[in-house]
């Protein structure tokens, strides 16, 4: 009878262990592994670099673009907060507009009982295929308060090629 009691105690212990982690530390490790797995796949606003994850403001940057067709021209605006004109380049080759930027910053703060030294850097590149009919020789770019404004005028014949098509009932 004592052997039967031991067998049922072992069976109950095995069943309870299969329902919960072996230890609290194993459960915590499993949860942290899931969090870091999400970072490796990339969360919105985060990028990867050398196994570590940093907010896109310092690494893995991307320029947020607005593109508007204003009839006779395309207007492209790129938000580049904290950047300066000298850190940005715009090129146009074979109808592909490319915006590149790089930011480097250093911060150092020394007080009586602490010393902070931070360095961050990041770069980005965005390329857009411009539609046919853009006058490549008249594309202009201006940089003002962290916003890059690009105006790509259409050739006169391209702007007038659009016509309204009547929609009929089936």
C-alpha atoms as a PDB file:
ATOM      1  CA  UNK A   1       0.000   0.000   0.000  1.00  0.00           C
ATOM      2  CA  UNK A   2       2.891   2.361   0.701  1.00  0.00           C
ATOM      3  CA  UNK A   3       4.200   1.686  -2.814  1.00  0.00           C
ATOM      4  CA  UNK A   4       0.807   2.604  -4.304  1.00  0.00           C
ATOM      5  CA  UNK A   5       0.833   5.873  -2.332  1.00  0.00           C
ATOM      6  CA  UNK A   6       4.353   6.728  -3.589  1.00  0.00           C
ATOM      7  CA  UNK A   7       3.327   5.995  -7.201  1.00  0.00           C
ATOM      8  CA  UNK A   8       0.288   8.262  -6.999  1.00  0.00           C
ATOM      9  CA  UNK A   9       2.390  11.065  -5.390  1.00  0.00           C
ATOM     10  CA  UNK A  10       4.926  10.783  -8.218  1.00  0.00           C
ATOM     11  CA  UNK A  11       2.142  10.837 -10.835  1.00  0.00           C
ATOM     12  CA  UNK A  12       0.639  13.966  -9.239  1.00  0.00           C
ATOM     13  CA  UNK A  13       4.044  15.681  -9.110  1.00  0.00           C
ATOM     14  CA  UNK A  14       4.693  14.852 -12.796  1.00  0.00           C
ATOM     15  CA  UNK A  15       1.283  16.208 -13.820  1.00  0.00           C
ATOM     16  CA  UNK A  16       1.753  19.447 -11.871  1.00  0.00           C
ATOM     17  CA  UNK A  17       5.222  20.015 -13.345  1.00  0.00           C
ATOM     18  CA  UNK A  18       3.945  19.633 -16.884  1.00  0.00           C
ATOM     19  CA  UNK A  19       1.442  22.438 -16.285  1.00  0.00           C
ATOM     20  CA  UNK A  20       3.945  25.015 -14.973  1.00  0.00           C
ATOM     21  CA  UNK A  21       7.589  25.863 -15.590  1.00  0.00           C
ATOM     22  CA  UNK A  22      10.273  23.975 -13.707  1.00  0.00           C
ATOM     23  CA  UNK A  23      11.238  27.155 -11.857  1.00  0.00           C
ATOM     24  CA  UNK A  24      10.354  30.822 -11.666  1.00  0.00           C
ATOM     25  CA  UNK A  25      13.713  31.676 -13.276  1.00  0.00           C
ATOM     26  CA  UNK A  26      12.956  29.457 -16.274  1.00  0.00           C
ATOM     27  CA  UNK A  27       9.653  31.278 -16.749  1.00  0.00           C
ATOM     28  CA  UNK A  28      11.360  34.686 -16.554  1.00  0.00           C
ATOM     29  CA  UNK A  29      14.038  33.588 -19.019  1.00  0.00           C
ATOM     30  CA  UNK A  30      11.400  32.323 -21.422  1.00  0.00           C
ATOM     31  CA  UNK A  31       9.567  35.666 -21.255  1.00  0.00           C
ATOM     32  CA  UNK A  32      12.775  37.648 -21.826  1.00  0.00           C
ATOM     33  CA  UNK A  33      13.728  35.405 -24.747  1.00  0.00           C
ATOM     34  CA  UNK A  34      10.360  36.205 -26.351  1.00  0.00           C
ATOM     35  CA  UNK A  35      10.925  39.960 -25.864  1.00  0.00           C
ATOM     36  CA  UNK A  36      14.386  39.850 -27.451  1.00  0.00           C
ATOM     37  CA  UNK A  37      13.095  37.681 -30.288  1.00  0.00           C
ATOM     38  CA  UNK A  38      10.613  40.452 -31.071  1.00  0.00           C
ATOM     39  CA  UNK A  39      13.442  43.012 -31.135  1.00  0.00           C
ATOM     40  CA  UNK A  40      15.421  40.830 -33.535  1.00  0.00           C
ATOM     41  CA  UNK A  41      12.443  40.703 -35.921  1.00  0.00           C
ATOM     42  CA  UNK A  42      12.116  44.471 -35.552  1.00  0.00           C
ATOM     43  CA  UNK A  43       9.463  46.448 -33.745  1.00  0.00           C
ATOM     44  CA  UNK A  44       8.130  49.657 -35.302  1.00  0.00           C
ATOM     45  CA  UNK A  45      10.528  52.463 -34.469  1.00  0.00           C
ATOM     46  CA  UNK A  46      13.463  50.154 -33.739  1.00  0.00           C
ATOM     47  CA  UNK A  47      16.332  48.903 -35.839  1.00  0.00           C
ATOM     48  CA  UNK A  48      19.109  46.342 -35.453  1.00  0.00           C
ATOM     49  CA  UNK A  49      22.805  46.891 -35.264  1.00  0.00           C
ATOM     50  CA  UNK A  50      25.418  44.408 -34.178  1.00  0.00           C
ATOM     51  CA  UNK A  51      23.009  42.381 -32.079  1.00  0.00           C
ATOM     52  CA  UNK A  52      21.724  45.389 -30.146  1.00  0.00           C
ATOM     53  CA  UNK A  53      18.533  47.325 -30.697  1.00  0.00           C
ATOM     54  CA  UNK A  54      18.384  51.107 -30.738  1.00  0.00           C
ATOM     55  CA  UNK A  55      15.568  53.566 -31.460  1.00  0.00           C
ATOM     56  CA  UNK A  56      15.566  54.750 -35.059  1.00  0.00           C
ATOM     57  CA  UNK A  57      16.426  58.287 -34.005  1.00  0.00           C
ATOM     58  CA  UNK A  58      19.987  57.106 -33.410  1.00  0.00           C
ATOM     59  CA  UNK A  59      20.260  54.009 -35.637  1.00  0.00           C
ATOM     60  CA  UNK A  60      18.366  52.400 -38.425  1.00  0.00           C
ATOM     61  CA  UNK A  61      16.948  55.770 -39.316  1.00  0.00           C
ATOM     62  CA  UNK A  62      14.358  56.192 -41.998  1.00  0.00           C
ATOM     63  CA  UNK A  63      13.068  59.403 -43.498  1.00  0.00           C
ATOM     64  CA  UNK A  64       9.306  59.805 -43.314  1.00  0.00           C
ATOM     65  CA  UNK A  65       8.183  61.001 -46.748  1.00  0.00           C
ATOM     66  CA  UNK A  66       5.094  62.816 -47.983  1.00  0.00           C
ATOM     67  CA  UNK A  67       4.590  62.832 -51.759  1.00  0.00           C
ATOM     68  CA  UNK A  68       1.918  65.029 -53.366  1.00  0.00           C
ATOM     69  CA  UNK A  69       0.961  65.423 -56.999  1.00  0.00           C
ATOM     70  CA  UNK A  70      -0.056  69.054 -57.435  1.00  0.00           C
ATOM     71  CA  UNK A  71      -0.963  68.773 -61.110  1.00  0.00           C
ATOM     72  CA  UNK A  72       2.009  70.483 -62.698  1.00  0.00           C
ATOM     73  CA  UNK A  73       4.590  69.232 -60.183  1.00  0.00           C
ATOM     74  CA  UNK A  74       5.373  66.577 -57.591  1.00  0.00           C
ATOM     75  CA  UNK A  75       6.209  67.783 -54.104  1.00  0.00           C
ATOM     76  CA  UNK A  76       8.211  65.495 -51.843  1.00  0.00           C
ATOM     77  CA  UNK A  77       8.812  66.344 -48.193  1.00  0.00           C
ATOM     78  CA  UNK A  78      11.110  64.359 -45.922  1.00  0.00           C
ATOM     79  CA  UNK A  79      11.043  64.848 -42.154  1.00  0.00           C
ATOM     80  CA  UNK A  80      14.636  64.815 -40.883  1.00  0.00           C
ATOM     81  CA  UNK A  81      14.476  66.135 -37.311  1.00  0.00           C
ATOM     82  CA  UNK A  82      17.790  67.049 -35.745  1.00  0.00           C
ATOM     83  CA  UNK A  83      19.647  66.915 -39.040  1.00  0.00           C
ATOM     84  CA  UNK A  84      21.357  69.737 -40.860  1.00  0.00           C
ATOM     85  CA  UNK A  85      21.585  70.530 -44.568  1.00  0.00           C
ATOM     86  CA  UNK A  86      25.243  69.429 -44.698  1.00  0.00           C
ATOM     87  CA  UNK A  87      24.245  65.927 -43.507  1.00  0.00           C
ATOM     88  CA  UNK A  88      21.788  65.316 -46.378  1.00  0.00           C
ATOM     89  CA  UNK A  89      22.301  64.655 -50.094  1.00  0.00           C
ATOM     90  CA  UNK A  90      19.768  64.394 -52.907  1.00  0.00           C
ATOM     91  CA  UNK A  91      20.561  62.797 -56.274  1.00  0.00           C
ATOM     92  CA  UNK A  92      18.543  62.065 -59.402  1.00  0.00           C
ATOM     93  CA  UNK A  93      19.694  59.385 -61.832  1.00  0.00           C
ATOM     94  CA  UNK A  94      17.651  57.689 -64.567  1.00  0.00           C
ATOM     95  CA  UNK A  95      14.384  58.840 -63.000  1.00  0.00           C
ATOM     96  CA  UNK A  96      15.289  57.582 -59.498  1.00  0.00           C
ATOM     97  CA  UNK A  97      15.409  60.224 -56.776  1.00  0.00           C
ATOM     98  CA  UNK A  98      17.638  59.222 -53.849  1.00  0.00           C
ATOM     99  CA  UNK A  99      17.779  60.954 -50.482  1.00  0.00           C
ATOM    100  CA  UNK A 100      20.682  60.040 -48.207  1.00  0.00           C
ATOM    101  CA  UNK A 101      21.527  61.275 -44.763  1.00  0.00           C
ATOM    102  CA  UNK A 102      23.874  60.612 -41.910  1.00  0.00           C
ATOM    103  CA  UNK A 103      23.769  61.852 -38.358  1.00  0.00           C
ATOM    104  CA  UNK A 104      26.538  61.725 -35.794  1.00  0.00           C
ATOM    105  CA  UNK A 105      26.212  63.125 -32.320  1.00  0.00           C
ATOM    106  CA  UNK A 106      28.224  63.116 -29.138  1.00  0.00           C
ATOM    107  CA  UNK A 107      27.187  64.204 -25.694  1.00  0.00           C
ATOM    108  CA  UNK A 108      29.325  64.415 -22.620  1.00  0.00           C
ATOM    109  CA  UNK A 109      28.268  65.537 -19.186  1.00  0.00           C
ATOM    110  CA  UNK A 110      30.473  65.584 -16.100  1.00  0.00           C
ATOM    111  CA  UNK A 111      29.228  66.302 -12.608  1.00  0.00           C
ATOM    112  CA  UNK A 112      30.675  65.728  -9.158  1.00  0.00           C
ATOM    113  CA  UNK A 113      29.504  62.133  -8.831  1.00  0.00           C
ATOM    114  CA  UNK A 114      28.904  60.957 -12.416  1.00  0.00           C
ATOM    115  CA  UNK A 115      30.182  61.143 -15.966  1.00  0.00           C
ATOM    116  CA  UNK A 116      27.996  60.471 -19.027  1.00  0.00           C
ATOM    117  CA  UNK A 117      29.482  60.044 -22.495  1.00  0.00           C
ATOM    118  CA  UNK A 118      27.152  59.086 -25.345  1.00  0.00           C
ATOM    119  CA  UNK A 119      27.878  58.691 -29.016  1.00  0.00           C
ATOM    120  CA  UNK A 120      25.279  57.857 -31.583  1.00  0.00           C
ATOM    121  CA  UNK A 121      25.197  57.637 -35.329  1.00  0.00           C
ATOM    122  CA  UNK A 122      22.854  56.549 -38.015  1.00  0.00           C
ATOM    123  CA  UNK A 123      22.321  56.760 -41.714  1.00  0.00           C
ATOM    124  CA  UNK A 124      19.478  56.215 -44.119  1.00  0.00           C
ATOM    125  CA  UNK A 125      18.770  56.107 -47.811  1.00  0.00           C
ATOM    126  CA  UNK A 126      15.387  56.364 -49.534  1.00  0.00           C
ATOM    127  CA  UNK A 127      14.924  56.021 -53.282  1.00  0.00           C
ATOM    128  CA  UNK A 128      11.814  56.833 -55.304  1.00  0.00           C
ATOM    129  CA  UNK A 129      11.064  56.091 -58.937  1.00  0.00           C
ATOM    130  CA  UNK A 130       9.723  59.360 -60.321  1.00  0.00           C
ATOM    131  CA  UNK A 131       6.977  59.074 -62.923  1.00  0.00           C
ATOM    132  CA  UNK A 132       7.614  59.689 -66.609  1.00  0.00           C
ATOM    133  CA  UNK A 133       7.155  63.297 -67.583  1.00  0.00           C
ATOM    134  CA  UNK A 134       9.229  64.891 -64.810  1.00  0.00           C
ATOM    135  CA  UNK A 135      11.588  67.598 -66.055  1.00  0.00           C
ATOM    136  CA  UNK A 136      14.846  66.307 -64.512  1.00  0.00           C
ATOM    137  CA  UNK A 137      16.707  69.567 -65.162  1.00  0.00           C
ATOM    138  CA  UNK A 138      14.277  71.609 -63.022  1.00  0.00           C
ATOM    139  CA  UNK A 139      14.100  69.471 -59.855  1.00  0.00           C
ATOM    140  CA  UNK A 140      14.970  71.595 -56.804  1.00  0.00           C
ATOM    141  CA  UNK A 141      15.555  70.860 -53.128  1.00  0.00           C
ATOM    142  CA  UNK A 142      15.444  73.140 -50.076  1.00  0.00           C
ATOM    143  CA  UNK A 143      16.139  72.314 -46.437  1.00  0.00           C
ATOM    144  CA  UNK A 144      14.343  74.232 -43.694  1.00  0.00           C
ATOM    145  CA  UNK A 145      14.073  73.436 -39.962  1.00  0.00           C
ATOM    146  CA  UNK A 146      14.548  69.688 -40.309  1.00  0.00           C
ATOM    147  CA  UNK A 147      12.302  69.294 -43.362  1.00  0.00           C
ATOM    148  CA  UNK A 148      13.639  68.614 -46.847  1.00  0.00           C
ATOM    149  CA  UNK A 149      11.351  70.038 -49.581  1.00  0.00           C
ATOM    150  CA  UNK A 150      11.826  68.693 -53.109  1.00  0.00           C
ATOM    151  CA  UNK A 151       9.858  70.081 -56.050  1.00  0.00           C
ATOM    152  CA  UNK A 152       9.882  68.050 -59.270  1.00  0.00           C
ATOM    153  CA  UNK A 153       8.091  69.968 -62.047  1.00  0.00           C
ATOM    154  CA  UNK A 154       6.373  68.047 -64.822  1.00  0.00           C
ATOM    155  CA  UNK A 155       7.058  68.832 -68.453  1.00  0.00           C
ATOM    156  CA  UNK A 156       4.131  70.823 -69.944  1.00  0.00           C
ATOM    157  CA  UNK A 157       3.092  67.963 -72.236  1.00  0.00           C
ATOM    158  CA  UNK A 158       3.082  65.502 -69.302  1.00  0.00           C
ATOM    159  CA  UNK A 159       0.870  67.710 -67.161  1.00  0.00           C
ATOM    160  CA  UNK A 160      -1.734  68.030 -69.935  1.00  0.00           C
ATOM    161  CA  UNK A 161      -1.842  64.309 -70.872  1.00  0.00           C
ATOM    162  CA  UNK A 162      -4.383  63.544 -68.189  1.00  0.00           C
ATOM    163  CA  UNK A 163      -7.988  63.313 -69.293  1.00  0.00           C
ATOM    164  CA  UNK A 164     -11.133  62.343 -67.472  1.00  0.00           C
ATOM    165  CA  UNK A 165     -12.695  59.057 -68.531  1.00  0.00           C
ATOM    166  CA  UNK A 166     -16.421  58.727 -68.249  1.00  0.00           C
ATOM    167  CA  UNK A 167     -17.681  55.786 -66.217  1.00  0.00           C
ATOM    168  CA  UNK A 168     -20.771  54.122 -67.671  1.00  0.00           C
ATOM    169  CA  UNK A 169     -23.185  51.709 -66.088  1.00  0.00           C
ATOM    170  CA  UNK A 170     -22.634  48.076 -66.934  1.00  0.00           C
END
